[in-house]
Amino acid sequence: MANGNGALAAAADHAMVRTFTPLIVAALMALVGWLFSSVLALEENIQQNNIHIQHLHMAEEDFGKTLSKMQDTLTDIRIQVGKFTAH
């Protein structure tokens, strides 16, 4: 009877392996799919952030130019006011 019990246990183990292997494979595939989509979403987010950073740098340069022009205009106004008040 030892051979019969061992064969029965082996058959039960084999049936459990056959039952749970597709479930485990499906779970692993779902995990890999989720990781892949998460990585793609993060990559897209990083690209958008890089674009926003570039736009901010461009705006900063434009603001610097505008500020410089305003300072030049303010200096010209001060010179003109000084000329008018000196007379």
C-alpha atoms as a PDB file:
ATOM      1  CA  MET A   1       0.000   0.000   0.000  1.00  0.00           C
ATOM      2  CA  ALA A   2       2.954   2.320   0.355  1.00  0.00           C
ATOM      3  CA  ASN A   3       3.327   2.444  -3.414  1.00  0.00           C
ATOM      4  CA  GLY A   4      -0.357   3.220  -3.856  1.00  0.00           C
ATOM      5  CA  ASN A   5      -0.325   6.055  -1.327  1.00  0.00           C
ATOM      6  CA  GLY A   6       2.808   7.535  -2.844  1.00  0.00           C
ATOM      7  CA  ALA A   7       1.310   7.380  -6.305  1.00  0.00           C
ATOM      8  CA  LEU A   8      -1.893   8.976  -5.037  1.00  0.00           C
ATOM      9  CA  ALA A   9       0.062  11.795  -3.348  1.00  0.00           C
ATOM     10  CA  ALA A  10       2.137  12.342  -6.482  1.00  0.00           C
ATOM     11  CA  ALA A  11      -1.031  12.481  -8.580  1.00  0.00           C
ATOM     12  CA  ALA A  12      -2.598  14.978  -6.165  1.00  0.00           C
ATOM     13  CA  ASP A  13       0.547  17.112  -6.228  1.00  0.00           C
ATOM     14  CA  HIS A  14       0.586  16.966 -10.015  1.00  0.00           C
ATOM     15  CA  ALA A  15      -3.077  17.987 -10.158  1.00  0.00           C
ATOM     16  CA  MET A  16      -2.382  20.941  -7.852  1.00  0.00           C
ATOM     17  CA  VAL A  17       0.569  22.006  -9.991  1.00  0.00           C
ATOM     18  CA  ARG A  18      -1.550  21.775 -13.124  1.00  0.00           C
ATOM     19  CA  THR A  19      -4.297  23.773 -11.413  1.00  0.00           C
ATOM     20  CA  PHE A  20      -2.210  26.577  -9.961  1.00  0.00           C
ATOM     21  CA  THR A  21       0.448  26.981 -12.668  1.00  0.00           C
ATOM     22  CA  PRO A  22      -1.861  28.881 -15.079  1.00  0.00           C
ATOM     23  CA  LEU A  23      -3.033  31.088 -12.217  1.00  0.00           C
ATOM     24  CA  ILE A  24       0.526  31.900 -11.213  1.00  0.00           C
ATOM     25  CA  VAL A  25       1.508  32.565 -14.822  1.00  0.00           C
ATOM     26  CA  ALA A  26      -1.521  34.828 -15.285  1.00  0.00           C
ATOM     27  CA  ALA A  27      -0.655  36.716 -12.092  1.00  0.00           C
ATOM     28  CA  LEU A  28       2.945  37.168 -13.244  1.00  0.00           C
ATOM     29  CA  MET A  29       1.791  38.377 -16.663  1.00  0.00           C
ATOM     30  CA  ALA A  30      -0.577  40.845 -15.021  1.00  0.00           C
ATOM     31  CA  LEU A  31       2.236  42.093 -12.782  1.00  0.00           C
ATOM     32  CA  VAL A  32       4.594  42.523 -15.729  1.00  0.00           C
ATOM     33  CA  GLY A  33       1.876  44.326 -17.700  1.00  0.00           C
ATOM     34  CA  TRP A  34       1.179  46.656 -14.785  1.00  0.00           C
ATOM     35  CA  LEU A  35       4.892  47.389 -14.347  1.00  0.00           C
ATOM     36  CA  PHE A  36       5.260  48.061 -18.068  1.00  0.00           C
ATOM     37  CA  SER A  37       2.335  50.465 -18.146  1.00  0.00           C
ATOM     38  CA  SER A  38       3.592  52.180 -14.984  1.00  0.00           C
ATOM     39  CA  VAL A  39       7.033  52.672 -16.506  1.00  0.00           C
ATOM     40  CA  LEU A  40       5.498  54.081 -19.683  1.00  0.00           C
ATOM     41  CA  ALA A  41       3.336  56.474 -17.675  1.00  0.00           C
ATOM     42  CA  LEU A  42       6.349  57.609 -15.653  1.00  0.00           C
ATOM     43  CA  GLU A  43       8.362  58.122 -18.821  1.00  0.00           C
ATOM     44  CA  GLU A  44       5.593  60.260 -20.322  1.00  0.00           C
ATOM     45  CA  ASN A  45       5.381  62.256 -17.100  1.00  0.00           C
ATOM     46  CA  ILE A  46       9.146  62.823 -17.150  1.00  0.00           C
ATOM     47  CA  GLN A  47       8.998  64.021 -20.763  1.00  0.00           C
ATOM     48  CA  GLN A  48       6.198  66.454 -19.930  1.00  0.00           C
ATOM     49  CA  ASN A  49       8.142  67.752 -16.933  1.00  0.00           C
ATOM     50  CA  ASN A  50      11.220  68.267 -19.112  1.00  0.00           C
ATOM     51  CA  ILE A  51       9.131  70.249 -21.595  1.00  0.00           C
ATOM     52  CA  HIS A  52       7.720  72.374 -18.755  1.00  0.00           C
ATOM     53  CA  ILE A  53      11.229  72.990 -17.424  1.00  0.00           C
ATOM     54  CA  GLN A  54      12.412  74.092 -20.876  1.00  0.00           C
ATOM     55  CA  HIS A  55       9.457  76.470 -21.138  1.00  0.00           C
ATOM     56  CA  LEU A  56      10.231  77.875 -17.708  1.00  0.00           C
ATOM     57  CA  HIS A  57      13.845  78.491 -18.725  1.00  0.00           C
ATOM     58  CA  MET A  58      12.685  80.248 -21.877  1.00  0.00           C
ATOM     59  CA  ALA A  59      10.240  82.363 -19.866  1.00  0.00           C
ATOM     60  CA  GLU A  60      13.009  83.178 -17.404  1.00  0.00           C
ATOM     61  CA  GLU A  61      15.253  84.381 -20.234  1.00  0.00           C
ATOM     62  CA  ASP A  62      12.416  86.454 -21.702  1.00  0.00           C
ATOM     63  CA  PHE A  63      11.679  87.914 -18.274  1.00  0.00           C
ATOM     64  CA  GLY A  64      15.346  88.814 -17.853  1.00  0.00           C
ATOM     65  CA  LYS A  65      15.356  90.622 -21.200  1.00  0.00           C
ATOM     66  CA  THR A  66      12.124  92.434 -20.360  1.00  0.00           C
ATOM     67  CA  LEU A  67      13.461  93.423 -16.938  1.00  0.00           C
ATOM     68  CA  SER A  68      16.633  94.754 -18.525  1.00  0.00           C
ATOM     69  CA  LYS A  69      14.593  96.841 -20.975  1.00  0.00           C
ATOM     70  CA  MET A  70      12.464  98.151 -18.103  1.00  0.00           C
ATOM     71  CA  GLN A  71      15.578  99.127 -16.149  1.00  0.00           C
ATOM     72  CA  ASP A  72      16.940 100.944 -19.196  1.00  0.00           C
ATOM     73  CA  THR A  73      13.618 102.766 -19.622  1.00  0.00           C
ATOM     74  CA  LEU A  74      13.531 103.664 -15.930  1.00  0.00           C
ATOM     75  CA  THR A  75      17.071 104.996 -16.148  1.00  0.00           C
ATOM     76  CA  ASP A  76      16.109 107.101 -19.180  1.00  0.00           C
ATOM     77  CA  ILE A  77      13.072 108.441 -17.311  1.00  0.00           C
ATOM     78  CA  ARG A  78      15.244 109.355 -14.316  1.00  0.00           C
ATOM     79  CA  ILE A  79      17.673 111.161 -16.595  1.00  0.00           C
ATOM     80  CA  GLN A  80      14.836 113.080 -18.244  1.00  0.00           C
ATOM     81  CA  VAL A  81      13.283 113.979 -14.876  1.00  0.00           C
ATOM     82  CA  GLY A  82      16.710 115.120 -13.679  1.00  0.00           C
ATOM     83  CA  LYS A  83      17.090 117.342 -16.748  1.00  0.00           C
ATOM     84  CA  PHE A  84      13.652 118.893 -16.217  1.00  0.00           C
ATOM     85  CA  THR A  85      14.156 119.530 -12.520  1.00  0.00           C
ATOM     86  CA  ALA A  86      17.639 120.970 -13.053  1.00  0.00           C
ATOM     87  CA  HIS A  87      16.304 123.841 -15.195  1.00  0.00           C
END
